[in-house]
């Protein structure tokens, strides 16, 4: 039992001295003796704390479910579930809440278990209110320190996330600038990446299992490696010889190496490296075949071919839409994944509309 004479004496001293606790908090007191609850409620209230009381663990759990507390002060022995049971509830419902356990001398062995389970402090009955006040101050100081540290971590994480977003924006701007530089090397391929991305996104929407945001970036950057191919090869008006074609075949690998330090995304890097692989294994740079080729790269391969065939090049004029569609269908199972060609067929009305908007007479080059 708490020494009631001590409570009254300390309460009178508090009134006469006007002592207040500099660290205030919301405290839940749990004790089955009404007199103890009232006296502690009055004592803690005079210290400036907000206090709620409960006589049983179920009553305390009800308060924990609807209110936030910085500290719970509970007797070990309660009718029904004990203070140890309340400790489990507090840890589950409000992990940051501190706990002080009140225990009689005879309960010390049991109370040691509570300490092992994470009770904040143990105070043995009977006790002086000055001792309780000091322990409350310590527990609330720990709670405040943990709360402030958590807020600081959250603020730091927010700052780091913001910096990460800003860094990614600059990286993407740099990557897109490289892609624009590639297209500037060849006037005949200006807008190629934009058109391929549009076609590829349309096909990908039919498939439905590709992250479209990342895939859009992959489409925009898929030919960035051509910055490492000589202009004389890219702009050659005639057929490429074997040596020149070998130079062109290096651009997927060059693109991957350029982007790796900037874009840590396997989907994007995979599309950049493998969009010239073929379903039958006769593509480049790695000769992958079938489903060893990542799905997004298989989609972009179809879109890339569609735009290449329907656009003018230095060495040939653009081919009619119908001829390009027929060629893609003919290459199903050899150059292209048949499933991708099925998706291409399903998307044809939308693809044709995109093509028409890209090749309006006002947009044609002289």
Foldseek 3Di string as FASTA:
>chain_A
DADVVLLVVVLVVCVVVVAADPQEWEEEEEAQDPVVQVSVCSVNVSNVYHYDYYDALVVVLVCLVPDDTQEYEYEQDGPDHGPLVSVVSCCVRPVLHAYEYEYEPVCVVVVVVVVVVPHRYYDYPHDHVVVVSVSVSVSSVVSVVVVVVVVVVVVVVVVVVVVVVVLLVVLLVVLLVLLCVLCVLFVQCVCLLVQLLVLLLLLCVLVPPDDNVLLSSLSSRQQSLSVQQDSCLQQPQADDDPVSVVSVLCSLVSSLVVCVVRDVDCVSNLLSNQLQAFQQQPGDDPSDHHPVRPPSSLSSNLSSQQSVQQTCGSHGHHDDNVVSLVVSVVCDPTRHPVVSNVSSVVSVVVSVVSVCVCVPPVNDDD
